[in-house]
Amino acid sequence: MTVSRKVSKERTRARLIQGTLKVLHKDGAAALTTGRIAESAGVAQPTFYVHFSGLDDALKQAAEYLGERWVSAVAANRNAAATTGHGSLRGVLDAYVGALLDDTKAAEIFLRHRRDPASTMGRELRRQVERARDQLVRDLAEVGGLSFDELAPMGDLCLGVVLGVVESVLDKRADRDVALDAGSRMVEGVVAMLGGHEAVVAAE
């Protein structure tokens, strides 16, 4: 396969993944068909099967895309925070929150389907959430003066703070900064309880 054909194939696959997410966000999982996805991506229906074996495969790859995008965006946000000296607990939480809120439609899909063990997307998102939780624990432990093992038992609580802030902002129940401040104080309390630094939440 030539480079141009390979690039073209990758672009078409990306369009189909975006089409899957677009239909999922607009009309829900019940509306997903190969035809709807292809139409949303602007390609012929048979093209769908060039890239995916079926709907489950498309959903799995769409979920992988969401997870990869979140983790990559977090890394970029963390690097930016490090260069500006914002290596605080709040800075870590803000990196994870901001990475989800950068694409609110993707965040809504993520929150809606991540706890659905009956669906392919739900199962894959669960794996992506577990991956993100472990990285969040590493990042928080690093700035909080704890080891991964010390903070890991509270990993779900820390991740819950991130997802809770995102959900509150999406539902317009709280201002992002206000919600982050509250969430940061909660995580700071957890870190202090476990023996880490007591004053690691820096003003952003």
N, C-alpha and C. Protein backbone atom coordinates (compact mmCIF):
# COMPACT_ATOMS: atom_id res chain seq x y z
N MET A 1 0.84 -1.19 0.00
CA MET A 1 0.00 0.00 0.00
C MET A 1 0.88 1.25 0.00
N THR A 2 0.63 2.16 -0.91
CA THR A 2 1.41 3.39 -0.97
C THR A 2 1.09 4.27 0.22
N VAL A 3 1.97 5.23 0.48
CA VAL A 3 1.77 6.13 1.62
C VAL A 3 0.46 6.90 1.48
N SER A 4 0.19 7.39 0.25
CA SER A 4 -1.04 8.17 0.05
C SER A 4 -2.28 7.33 0.29
N ARG A 5 -2.25 6.06 -0.16
CA ARG A 5 -3.40 5.19 0.07
C ARG A 5 -3.55 4.88 1.55
N LYS A 6 -2.43 4.70 2.23
CA LYS A 6 -2.47 4.42 3.66
C LYS A 6 -3.05 5.60 4.42
N VAL A 7 -2.59 6.80 4.09
CA VAL A 7 -3.10 8.01 4.74
C VAL A 7 -4.58 8.18 4.46
N SER A 8 -4.99 7.93 3.22
CA SER A 8 -6.40 8.05 2.85
C SER A 8 -7.25 7.06 3.63
N LYS A 9 -6.74 5.85 3.80
CA LYS A 9 -7.48 4.83 4.55
C LYS A 9 -7.60 5.22 6.02
N GLU A 10 -6.53 5.76 6.59
CA GLU A 10 -6.56 6.18 7.99
C GLU A 10 -7.54 7.33 8.18
N ARG A 11 -7.58 8.24 7.21
CA ARG A 11 -8.52 9.37 7.31
C ARG A 11 -9.96 8.89 7.24
N THR A 12 -10.22 7.93 6.36
CA THR A 12 -11.58 7.41 6.24
C THR A 12 -11.99 6.70 7.52
N ARG A 13 -11.08 5.93 8.09
CA ARG A 13 -11.36 5.25 9.35
C ARG A 13 -11.66 6.27 10.45
N ALA A 14 -10.88 7.35 10.49
CA ALA A 14 -11.11 8.40 11.48
C ALA A 14 -12.48 9.04 11.29
N ARG A 15 -12.88 9.25 10.05
CA ARG A 15 -14.20 9.83 9.76
C ARG A 15 -15.31 8.89 10.22
N LEU A 16 -15.10 7.60 10.04
CA LEU A 16 -16.10 6.63 10.47
C LEU A 16 -16.20 6.58 12.00
N ILE A 17 -15.08 6.70 12.67
CA ILE A 17 -15.11 6.75 14.14
C ILE A 17 -15.84 8.00 14.59
N GLN A 18 -15.54 9.14 13.95
CA GLN A 18 -16.25 10.37 14.28
C GLN A 18 -17.74 10.24 13.97
N GLY A 19 -18.06 9.57 12.86
CA GLY A 19 -19.46 9.34 12.51
C GLY A 19 -20.16 8.50 13.56
N THR A 20 -19.48 7.49 14.05
CA THR A 20 -20.03 6.64 15.12
C THR A 20 -20.34 7.47 16.35
N LEU A 21 -19.40 8.31 16.75
CA LEU A 21 -19.58 9.14 17.93
C LEU A 21 -20.69 10.18 17.72
N LYS A 22 -20.79 10.71 16.50
CA LYS A 22 -21.80 11.72 16.19
C LYS A 22 -23.21 11.13 16.33
N VAL A 23 -23.41 9.95 15.74
CA VAL A 23 -24.73 9.30 15.84
C VAL A 23 -25.03 8.92 17.29
N LEU A 24 -24.01 8.42 17.97
CA LEU A 24 -24.17 8.01 19.37
C LEU A 24 -24.57 9.19 20.24
N HIS A 25 -23.95 10.33 20.02
CA HIS A 25 -24.25 11.50 20.83
C HIS A 25 -25.63 12.07 20.50
N LYS A 26 -25.94 12.11 19.22
CA LYS A 26 -27.20 12.75 18.80
C LYS A 26 -28.43 11.89 19.08
N ASP A 27 -28.34 10.59 18.78
CA ASP A 27 -29.53 9.74 18.83
C ASP A 27 -29.42 8.51 19.73
N GLY A 28 -28.25 8.27 20.31
CA GLY A 28 -28.10 7.15 21.22
C GLY A 28 -27.74 5.85 20.52
N ALA A 29 -27.39 4.85 21.33
CA ALA A 29 -26.92 3.57 20.82
C ALA A 29 -27.97 2.84 19.98
N ALA A 30 -29.24 3.02 20.32
CA ALA A 30 -30.31 2.31 19.60
C ALA A 30 -30.39 2.74 18.14
N ALA A 31 -29.89 3.94 17.83
CA ALA A 31 -29.98 4.46 16.47
C ALA A 31 -28.78 4.06 15.61
N LEU A 32 -27.80 3.40 16.21
CA LEU A 32 -26.59 3.05 15.46
C LEU A 32 -26.85 1.94 14.45
N THR A 33 -26.55 2.23 13.21
CA THR A 33 -26.53 1.21 12.15
C THR A 33 -25.31 1.52 11.30
N THR A 34 -24.87 0.54 10.55
CA THR A 34 -23.72 0.78 9.67
C THR A 34 -24.06 1.86 8.64
N GLY A 35 -25.30 1.87 8.19
CA GLY A 35 -25.72 2.88 7.22
C GLY A 35 -25.69 4.28 7.80
N ARG A 36 -26.19 4.44 9.04
CA ARG A 36 -26.19 5.76 9.69
C ARG A 36 -24.77 6.25 9.90
N ILE A 37 -23.89 5.35 10.32
CA ILE A 37 -22.51 5.73 10.56
C ILE A 37 -21.84 6.16 9.26
N ALA A 38 -22.03 5.36 8.22
CA ALA A 38 -21.43 5.69 6.92
C ALA A 38 -21.95 7.02 6.41
N GLU A 39 -23.26 7.24 6.54
CA GLU A 39 -23.87 8.50 6.10
C GLU A 39 -23.27 9.68 6.86
N SER A 40 -23.14 9.51 8.17
CA SER A 40 -22.59 10.57 8.99
C SER A 40 -21.13 10.87 8.62
N ALA A 41 -20.41 9.83 8.20
CA ALA A 41 -19.01 9.99 7.82
C ALA A 41 -18.84 10.46 6.38
N GLY A 42 -19.95 10.45 5.62
CA GLY A 42 -19.89 10.88 4.22
C GLY A 42 -19.25 9.87 3.30
N VAL A 43 -19.45 8.57 3.61
CA VAL A 43 -18.90 7.51 2.75
C VAL A 43 -20.01 6.52 2.42
N ALA A 44 -19.74 5.66 1.44
CA ALA A 44 -20.71 4.62 1.08
C ALA A 44 -20.73 3.53 2.16
N GLN A 45 -21.90 2.91 2.36
CA GLN A 45 -22.03 1.91 3.41
C GLN A 45 -21.02 0.77 3.31
N PRO A 46 -20.74 0.23 2.11
CA PRO A 46 -19.76 -0.86 2.04
C PRO A 46 -18.38 -0.47 2.57
N THR A 47 -18.07 0.82 2.55
CA THR A 47 -16.78 1.29 3.05
C THR A 47 -16.63 1.00 4.54
N PHE A 48 -17.76 1.00 5.26
CA PHE A 48 -17.73 0.71 6.69
C PHE A 48 -17.02 -0.61 6.94
N TYR A 49 -17.35 -1.62 6.13
CA TYR A 49 -16.81 -2.96 6.35
C TYR A 49 -15.36 -3.12 5.90
N VAL A 50 -14.83 -2.11 5.24
CA VAL A 50 -13.40 -2.12 4.93
C VAL A 50 -12.59 -1.86 6.21
N HIS A 51 -13.22 -1.16 7.15
CA HIS A 51 -12.51 -0.71 8.35
C HIS A 51 -12.94 -1.44 9.62
N PHE A 52 -14.17 -1.92 9.66
CA PHE A 52 -14.69 -2.57 10.86
C PHE A 52 -15.40 -3.87 10.50
N SER A 53 -15.34 -4.83 11.40
CA SER A 53 -16.02 -6.10 11.15
C SER A 53 -17.51 -6.01 11.42
N GLY A 54 -17.92 -5.00 12.19
CA GLY A 54 -19.33 -4.82 12.51
C GLY A 54 -19.49 -3.66 13.49
N LEU A 55 -20.70 -3.48 14.01
CA LEU A 55 -20.97 -2.37 14.92
C LEU A 55 -20.15 -2.47 16.20
N ASP A 56 -20.04 -3.68 16.75
CA ASP A 56 -19.27 -3.83 17.99
C ASP A 56 -17.83 -3.40 17.81
N ASP A 57 -17.26 -3.75 16.66
CA ASP A 57 -15.88 -3.36 16.38
C ASP A 57 -15.76 -1.84 16.28
N ALA A 58 -16.73 -1.21 15.62
CA ALA A 58 -16.72 0.26 15.49
C ALA A 58 -16.85 0.92 16.86
N LEU A 59 -17.72 0.38 17.71
CA LEU A 59 -17.90 0.93 19.05
C LEU A 59 -16.64 0.77 19.89
N LYS A 60 -16.02 -0.40 19.78
CA LYS A 60 -14.79 -0.64 20.55
C LYS A 60 -13.70 0.35 20.14
N GLN A 61 -13.54 0.54 18.83
CA GLN A 61 -12.51 1.45 18.37
C GLN A 61 -12.85 2.91 18.69
N ALA A 62 -14.14 3.23 18.70
CA ALA A 62 -14.54 4.59 19.07
C ALA A 62 -14.23 4.84 20.55
N ALA A 63 -14.48 3.83 21.38
CA ALA A 63 -14.17 3.95 22.80
C ALA A 63 -12.67 4.07 23.04
N GLU A 64 -11.90 3.29 22.28
CA GLU A 64 -10.44 3.38 22.38
C GLU A 64 -9.97 4.79 22.00
N TYR A 65 -10.60 5.33 20.97
CA TYR A 65 -10.26 6.68 20.52
C TYR A 65 -10.53 7.70 21.63
N LEU A 66 -11.69 7.59 22.28
CA LEU A 66 -12.03 8.52 23.36
C LEU A 66 -11.02 8.42 24.50
N GLY A 67 -10.67 7.18 24.87
CA GLY A 67 -9.71 6.99 25.95
C GLY A 67 -8.33 7.52 25.61
N GLU A 68 -7.87 7.21 24.39
CA GLU A 68 -6.56 7.69 23.95
C GLU A 68 -6.53 9.22 23.91
N ARG A 69 -7.61 9.79 23.42
CA ARG A 69 -7.66 11.25 23.31
C ARG A 69 -7.61 11.89 24.69
N TRP A 70 -8.31 11.31 25.65
CA TRP A 70 -8.32 11.85 27.01
C TRP A 70 -6.92 11.79 27.62
N VAL A 71 -6.31 10.62 27.54
CA VAL A 71 -4.98 10.45 28.14
C VAL A 71 -3.95 11.35 27.47
N SER A 72 -4.01 11.47 26.15
CA SER A 72 -3.07 12.34 25.43
C SER A 72 -3.27 13.80 25.80
N ALA A 73 -4.53 14.22 25.91
CA ALA A 73 -4.81 15.61 26.28
C ALA A 73 -4.36 15.91 27.70
N VAL A 74 -4.53 14.93 28.59
CA VAL A 74 -4.05 15.10 29.97
C VAL A 74 -2.55 15.31 29.99
N ALA A 75 -1.83 14.49 29.23
CA ALA A 75 -0.37 14.61 29.19
C ALA A 75 0.05 15.99 28.69
N ALA A 76 -0.64 16.49 27.67
CA ALA A 76 -0.33 17.82 27.14
C ALA A 76 -0.62 18.90 28.19
N ASN A 77 -1.75 18.76 28.88
CA ASN A 77 -2.10 19.73 29.91
C ASN A 77 -1.11 19.70 31.07
N ARG A 78 -0.68 18.48 31.44
CA ARG A 78 0.28 18.35 32.56
C ARG A 78 1.62 18.97 32.18
N ASN A 79 2.04 18.77 30.95
CA ASN A 79 3.31 19.36 30.51
C ASN A 79 3.23 20.89 30.53
N ALA A 80 2.08 21.41 30.08
CA ALA A 80 1.89 22.86 30.09
C ALA A 80 1.91 23.39 31.52
N ALA A 81 1.26 22.67 32.43
CA ALA A 81 1.21 23.10 33.83
C ALA A 81 2.60 23.08 34.45
N ALA A 82 3.41 22.08 34.09
CA ALA A 82 4.75 21.96 34.65
C ALA A 82 5.63 23.14 34.23
N THR A 83 5.46 23.60 33.00
CA THR A 83 6.29 24.70 32.50
C THR A 83 5.91 26.04 33.13
N THR A 84 4.68 26.11 33.66
CA THR A 84 4.26 27.36 34.30
C THR A 84 4.32 27.27 35.83
N GLY A 85 4.85 26.14 36.32
CA GLY A 85 5.01 25.98 37.76
C GLY A 85 3.76 25.59 38.50
N HIS A 86 2.74 25.14 37.79
CA HIS A 86 1.49 24.76 38.44
C HIS A 86 1.46 23.25 38.72
N GLY A 87 2.48 22.78 39.41
CA GLY A 87 2.55 21.36 39.74
C GLY A 87 1.87 21.06 41.05
N SER A 88 0.62 21.43 41.18
CA SER A 88 -0.14 21.25 42.40
C SER A 88 -1.22 20.19 42.20
N LEU A 89 -1.85 19.80 43.29
CA LEU A 89 -2.98 18.87 43.19
C LEU A 89 -4.07 19.47 42.32
N ARG A 90 -4.34 20.74 42.52
CA ARG A 90 -5.37 21.38 41.70
C ARG A 90 -4.97 21.39 40.23
N GLY A 91 -3.69 21.60 39.98
CA GLY A 91 -3.20 21.58 38.61
C GLY A 91 -3.38 20.23 37.95
N VAL A 92 -3.14 19.17 38.72
CA VAL A 92 -3.35 17.81 38.20
C VAL A 92 -4.82 17.58 37.88
N LEU A 93 -5.68 17.91 38.84
CA LEU A 93 -7.12 17.71 38.62
C LEU A 93 -7.61 18.54 37.43
N ASP A 94 -7.11 19.76 37.33
CA ASP A 94 -7.51 20.63 36.22
C ASP A 94 -7.10 20.04 34.87
N ALA A 95 -5.94 19.38 34.84
CA ALA A 95 -5.49 18.75 33.60
C ALA A 95 -6.46 17.67 33.14
N TYR A 96 -6.95 16.87 34.07
CA TYR A 96 -7.88 15.79 33.73
C TYR A 96 -9.26 16.33 33.39
N VAL A 97 -9.71 17.31 34.16
CA VAL A 97 -11.01 17.93 33.88
C VAL A 97 -10.99 18.63 32.52
N GLY A 98 -9.95 19.44 32.30
CA GLY A 98 -9.85 20.19 31.06
C GLY A 98 -9.77 19.31 29.84
N ALA A 99 -9.08 18.17 29.97
CA ALA A 99 -8.94 17.25 28.84
C ALA A 99 -10.30 16.69 28.41
N LEU A 100 -11.20 16.49 29.36
CA LEU A 100 -12.55 16.02 29.01
C LEU A 100 -13.41 17.16 28.48
N LEU A 101 -13.30 18.32 29.12
CA LEU A 101 -14.16 19.44 28.72
C LEU A 101 -13.75 20.08 27.41
N ASP A 102 -12.56 19.73 26.91
CA ASP A 102 -12.15 20.25 25.60
C ASP A 102 -13.10 19.82 24.49
N ASP A 103 -13.76 18.69 24.70
CA ASP A 103 -14.75 18.20 23.73
C ASP A 103 -15.97 17.74 24.52
N THR A 104 -16.91 18.65 24.70
CA THR A 104 -18.04 18.36 25.59
C THR A 104 -18.91 17.21 25.07
N LYS A 105 -19.04 17.08 23.75
CA LYS A 105 -19.84 15.98 23.21
C LYS A 105 -19.20 14.64 23.53
N ALA A 106 -17.88 14.57 23.38
CA ALA A 106 -17.16 13.34 23.72
C ALA A 106 -17.28 13.06 25.22
N ALA A 107 -17.21 14.12 26.03
CA ALA A 107 -17.32 13.95 27.48
C ALA A 107 -18.69 13.41 27.85
N GLU A 108 -19.73 13.89 27.20
CA GLU A 108 -21.08 13.41 27.48
C GLU A 108 -21.23 11.93 27.12
N ILE A 109 -20.66 11.53 25.99
CA ILE A 109 -20.68 10.12 25.60
C ILE A 109 -19.92 9.30 26.63
N PHE A 110 -18.77 9.80 27.03
CA PHE A 110 -17.93 9.11 28.01
C PHE A 110 -18.70 8.87 29.31
N LEU A 111 -19.30 9.93 29.84
CA LEU A 111 -20.02 9.83 31.11
C LEU A 111 -21.26 8.94 30.99
N ARG A 112 -21.92 9.01 29.83
CA ARG A 112 -23.17 8.27 29.63
C ARG A 112 -22.95 6.76 29.54
N HIS A 113 -21.84 6.37 28.92
CA HIS A 113 -21.65 4.95 28.60
C HIS A 113 -20.60 4.23 29.41
N ARG A 114 -19.84 4.94 30.23
CA ARG A 114 -18.70 4.30 30.88
C ARG A 114 -19.08 3.23 31.90
N ARG A 115 -20.30 3.26 32.38
CA ARG A 115 -20.71 2.28 33.39
C ARG A 115 -21.73 1.28 32.84
N ASP A 116 -21.71 1.08 31.54
CA ASP A 116 -22.64 0.14 30.92
C ASP A 116 -21.89 -1.14 30.54
N PRO A 117 -21.87 -2.14 31.43
CA PRO A 117 -21.12 -3.36 31.16
C PRO A 117 -21.76 -4.24 30.09
N ALA A 118 -22.99 -3.91 29.70
CA ALA A 118 -23.68 -4.74 28.71
C ALA A 118 -23.32 -4.36 27.29
N SER A 119 -22.66 -3.20 27.12
CA SER A 119 -22.33 -2.76 25.76
C SER A 119 -20.83 -2.86 25.50
N THR A 120 -20.49 -3.01 24.24
CA THR A 120 -19.09 -3.04 23.85
C THR A 120 -18.40 -1.74 24.23
N MET A 121 -19.07 -0.63 23.96
CA MET A 121 -18.47 0.67 24.30
C MET A 121 -18.29 0.80 25.80
N GLY A 122 -19.27 0.39 26.57
CA GLY A 122 -19.17 0.48 28.02
C GLY A 122 -18.00 -0.33 28.56
N ARG A 123 -17.83 -1.53 28.06
CA ARG A 123 -16.73 -2.38 28.53
C ARG A 123 -15.38 -1.79 28.17
N GLU A 124 -15.25 -1.26 26.96
CA GLU A 124 -13.98 -0.66 26.56
C GLU A 124 -13.71 0.64 27.31
N LEU A 125 -14.76 1.45 27.51
CA LEU A 125 -14.57 2.68 28.27
C LEU A 125 -14.16 2.39 29.70
N ARG A 126 -14.67 1.30 30.24
CA ARG A 126 -14.27 0.92 31.60
C ARG A 126 -12.77 0.66 31.67
N ARG A 127 -12.25 -0.02 30.64
CA ARG A 127 -10.80 -0.26 30.59
C ARG A 127 -10.03 1.05 30.48
N GLN A 128 -10.56 1.96 29.69
CA GLN A 128 -9.90 3.25 29.52
C GLN A 128 -9.96 4.07 30.82
N VAL A 129 -11.07 3.97 31.54
CA VAL A 129 -11.21 4.67 32.82
C VAL A 129 -10.21 4.12 33.83
N GLU A 130 -10.04 2.80 33.86
CA GLU A 130 -9.08 2.20 34.79
C GLU A 130 -7.66 2.67 34.49
N ARG A 131 -7.35 2.77 33.22
CA ARG A 131 -6.05 3.26 32.81
C ARG A 131 -5.85 4.70 33.25
N ALA A 132 -6.87 5.53 33.02
CA ALA A 132 -6.79 6.94 33.41
C ALA A 132 -6.70 7.09 34.92
N ARG A 133 -7.45 6.25 35.65
CA ARG A 133 -7.41 6.31 37.12
C ARG A 133 -6.00 6.03 37.64
N ASP A 134 -5.36 5.00 37.10
CA ASP A 134 -4.01 4.67 37.56
C ASP A 134 -3.02 5.80 37.26
N GLN A 135 -3.17 6.44 36.09
CA GLN A 135 -2.29 7.56 35.76
C GLN A 135 -2.58 8.75 36.66
N LEU A 136 -3.86 8.98 36.96
CA LEU A 136 -4.24 10.07 37.87
C LEU A 136 -3.61 9.86 39.24
N VAL A 137 -3.65 8.63 39.72
CA VAL A 137 -3.04 8.33 41.02
C VAL A 137 -1.55 8.62 40.99
N ARG A 138 -0.87 8.23 39.91
CA ARG A 138 0.57 8.50 39.80
C ARG A 138 0.84 10.00 39.82
N ASP A 139 0.03 10.75 39.07
CA ASP A 139 0.23 12.21 39.00
C ASP A 139 -0.03 12.87 40.34
N LEU A 140 -1.09 12.47 41.02
CA LEU A 140 -1.42 13.06 42.32
C LEU A 140 -0.39 12.66 43.37
N ALA A 141 0.05 11.41 43.34
CA ALA A 141 1.05 10.96 44.30
C ALA A 141 2.35 11.74 44.14
N GLU A 142 2.69 12.02 42.90
CA GLU A 142 3.94 12.75 42.61
C GLU A 142 3.95 14.13 43.24
N VAL A 143 2.86 14.87 43.08
CA VAL A 143 2.82 16.23 43.64
C VAL A 143 2.43 16.23 45.11
N GLY A 144 1.83 15.14 45.58
CA GLY A 144 1.38 15.09 46.97
C GLY A 144 2.37 14.46 47.92
N GLY A 145 3.49 13.96 47.39
CA GLY A 145 4.51 13.40 48.26
C GLY A 145 4.20 12.01 48.77
N LEU A 146 3.40 11.25 47.99
CA LEU A 146 3.04 9.88 48.36
C LEU A 146 3.54 8.91 47.31
N SER A 147 3.51 7.64 47.65
CA SER A 147 3.81 6.62 46.65
C SER A 147 2.52 6.21 45.98
N PHE A 148 2.65 5.57 44.82
CA PHE A 148 1.47 5.07 44.11
C PHE A 148 0.69 4.12 45.01
N ASP A 149 1.39 3.22 45.70
CA ASP A 149 0.72 2.23 46.55
C ASP A 149 -0.04 2.88 47.69
N GLU A 150 0.49 3.98 48.21
CA GLU A 150 -0.18 4.67 49.31
C GLU A 150 -1.50 5.30 48.86
N LEU A 151 -1.49 5.89 47.68
CA LEU A 151 -2.67 6.61 47.21
C LEU A 151 -3.65 5.73 46.42
N ALA A 152 -3.16 4.61 45.88
CA ALA A 152 -3.99 3.77 45.00
C ALA A 152 -5.34 3.36 45.60
N PRO A 153 -5.42 3.02 46.90
CA PRO A 153 -6.73 2.63 47.45
C PRO A 153 -7.78 3.73 47.35
N MET A 154 -7.35 4.98 47.20
CA MET A 154 -8.28 6.10 47.09
C MET A 154 -8.42 6.57 45.64
N GLY A 155 -7.91 5.76 44.71
CA GLY A 155 -7.92 6.15 43.30
C GLY A 155 -9.30 6.40 42.74
N ASP A 156 -10.26 5.54 43.10
CA ASP A 156 -11.62 5.72 42.59
C ASP A 156 -12.25 7.00 43.11
N LEU A 157 -11.95 7.34 44.36
CA LEU A 157 -12.47 8.59 44.92
C LEU A 157 -11.88 9.80 44.18
N CYS A 158 -10.58 9.75 43.92
CA CYS A 158 -9.94 10.86 43.21
C CYS A 158 -10.48 11.00 41.79
N LEU A 159 -10.65 9.86 41.12
CA LEU A 159 -11.23 9.91 39.77
C LEU A 159 -12.67 10.40 39.83
N GLY A 160 -13.39 10.00 40.88
CA GLY A 160 -14.76 10.46 41.04
C GLY A 160 -14.85 11.97 41.16
N VAL A 161 -13.85 12.57 41.79
CA VAL A 161 -13.81 14.04 41.89
C VAL A 161 -13.70 14.65 40.50
N VAL A 162 -12.80 14.11 39.68
CA VAL A 162 -12.61 14.61 38.32
C VAL A 162 -13.92 14.51 37.53
N LEU A 163 -14.51 13.31 37.53
CA LEU A 163 -15.73 13.11 36.75
C LEU A 163 -16.90 13.90 37.32
N GLY A 164 -16.92 14.06 38.63
CA GLY A 164 -17.98 14.86 39.25
C GLY A 164 -17.90 16.32 38.85
N VAL A 165 -16.68 16.86 38.80
CA VAL A 165 -16.50 18.25 38.37
C VAL A 165 -16.95 18.41 36.92
N VAL A 166 -16.53 17.46 36.07
CA VAL A 166 -16.92 17.52 34.65
C VAL A 166 -18.44 17.48 34.51
N GLU A 167 -19.07 16.57 35.22
CA GLU A 167 -20.53 16.44 35.12
C GLU A 167 -21.23 17.70 35.63
N SER A 168 -20.74 18.27 36.72
CA SER A 168 -21.34 19.50 37.25
C SER A 168 -21.24 20.65 36.26
N VAL A 169 -20.08 20.75 35.60
CA VAL A 169 -19.89 21.82 34.62
C VAL A 169 -20.78 21.60 33.40
N LEU A 170 -20.82 20.35 32.90
CA LEU A 170 -21.66 20.06 31.74
C LEU A 170 -23.13 20.31 32.02
N ASP A 171 -23.56 19.99 33.23
CA ASP A 171 -24.97 20.17 33.60
C ASP A 171 -25.26 21.59 34.10
N LYS A 172 -24.22 22.44 34.07
CA LYS A 172 -24.35 23.84 34.49
C LYS A 172 -24.82 23.97 35.94
N ARG A 173 -24.37 23.05 36.78
CA ARG A 173 -24.71 23.12 38.20
C ARG A 173 -23.65 23.90 38.97
N ALA A 174 -22.45 24.00 38.39
CA ALA A 174 -21.37 24.69 39.10
C ALA A 174 -20.40 25.30 38.10
N ASP A 175 -19.79 26.39 38.51
CA ASP A 175 -18.72 27.01 37.74
C ASP A 175 -17.49 26.10 37.83
N ARG A 176 -16.75 26.03 36.73
CA ARG A 176 -15.59 25.12 36.70
C ARG A 176 -14.60 25.41 37.83
N ASP A 177 -14.23 26.66 38.01
CA ASP A 177 -13.24 27.00 39.03
C ASP A 177 -13.76 26.70 40.43
N VAL A 178 -15.02 26.99 40.67
CA VAL A 178 -15.61 26.71 41.98
C VAL A 178 -15.61 25.20 42.24
N ALA A 179 -16.03 24.43 41.24
CA ALA A 179 -16.06 22.98 41.40
C ALA A 179 -14.66 22.41 41.58
N LEU A 180 -13.69 22.95 40.84
CA LEU A 180 -12.31 22.49 40.98
C LEU A 180 -11.74 22.81 42.36
N ASP A 181 -12.07 23.98 42.86
CA ASP A 181 -11.61 24.35 44.21
C ASP A 181 -12.14 23.37 45.24
N ALA A 182 -13.43 23.06 45.15
CA ALA A 182 -14.04 22.12 46.10
C ALA A 182 -13.42 20.73 45.96
N GLY A 183 -13.28 20.27 44.72
CA GLY A 183 -12.69 18.96 44.49
C GLY A 183 -11.25 18.89 44.95
N SER A 184 -10.51 19.96 44.75
CA SER A 184 -9.10 20.00 45.17
C SER A 184 -8.98 19.90 46.68
N ARG A 185 -9.86 20.60 47.39
CA ARG A 185 -9.82 20.53 48.86
C ARG A 185 -10.11 19.11 49.34
N MET A 186 -11.02 18.43 48.65
CA MET A 186 -11.33 17.06 49.03
C MET A 186 -10.13 16.14 48.84
N VAL A 187 -9.50 16.26 47.68
CA VAL A 187 -8.34 15.41 47.40
C VAL A 187 -7.17 15.79 48.30
N GLU A 188 -7.01 17.08 48.56
CA GLU A 188 -5.96 17.51 49.49
C GLU A 188 -6.15 16.86 50.85
N GLY A 189 -7.40 16.78 51.30
CA GLY A 189 -7.69 16.13 52.58
C GLY A 189 -7.32 14.66 52.56
N VAL A 190 -7.59 13.99 51.44
CA VAL A 190 -7.23 12.58 51.31
C VAL A 190 -5.72 12.41 51.38
N VAL A 191 -4.99 13.25 50.64
CA VAL A 191 -3.53 13.17 50.63
C VAL A 191 -2.97 13.43 52.02
N ALA A 192 -3.49 14.44 52.71
CA ALA A 192 -3.02 14.76 54.06
C ALA A 192 -3.32 13.60 55.01
N MET A 193 -4.49 12.99 54.89
CA MET A 193 -4.87 11.87 55.74
C MET A 193 -3.92 10.69 55.57
N LEU A 194 -3.43 10.52 54.32
CA LEU A 194 -2.53 9.41 54.03
C LEU A 194 -1.07 9.74 54.33
N GLY A 195 -0.83 10.95 54.83
CA GLY A 195 0.53 11.30 55.23
C GLY A 195 1.31 12.10 54.23
N GLY A 196 0.64 12.65 53.20
CA GLY A 196 1.34 13.47 52.22
C GLY A 196 1.39 14.92 52.66
N HIS A 197 1.77 15.79 51.74
CA HIS A 197 1.87 17.21 52.06
C HIS A 197 0.49 17.78 52.40
N GLU A 198 0.45 18.69 53.34
CA GLU A 198 -0.81 19.27 53.76
C GLU A 198 -1.15 20.53 52.98
N ALA A 199 -0.20 21.10 52.31
CA ALA A 199 -0.45 22.37 51.61
C ALA A 199 0.05 22.29 50.18
N VAL A 200 -0.53 21.38 49.43
CA VAL A 200 -0.07 21.18 48.06
C VAL A 200 -0.99 21.77 47.02
N VAL A 201 -2.12 22.32 47.43
CA VAL A 201 -3.02 22.94 46.47
C VAL A 201 -2.62 24.39 46.29
N ALA A 202 -1.96 24.67 45.19
CA ALA A 202 -1.50 26.03 44.93
C ALA A 202 -2.58 26.84 44.25
N ALA A 203 -2.59 28.12 44.47
CA ALA A 203 -3.53 28.99 43.77
C ALA A 203 -3.18 28.99 42.30
N GLU A 204 -4.19 28.75 41.47
CA GLU A 204 -3.95 28.69 40.01
C GLU A 204 -4.20 30.06 39.42
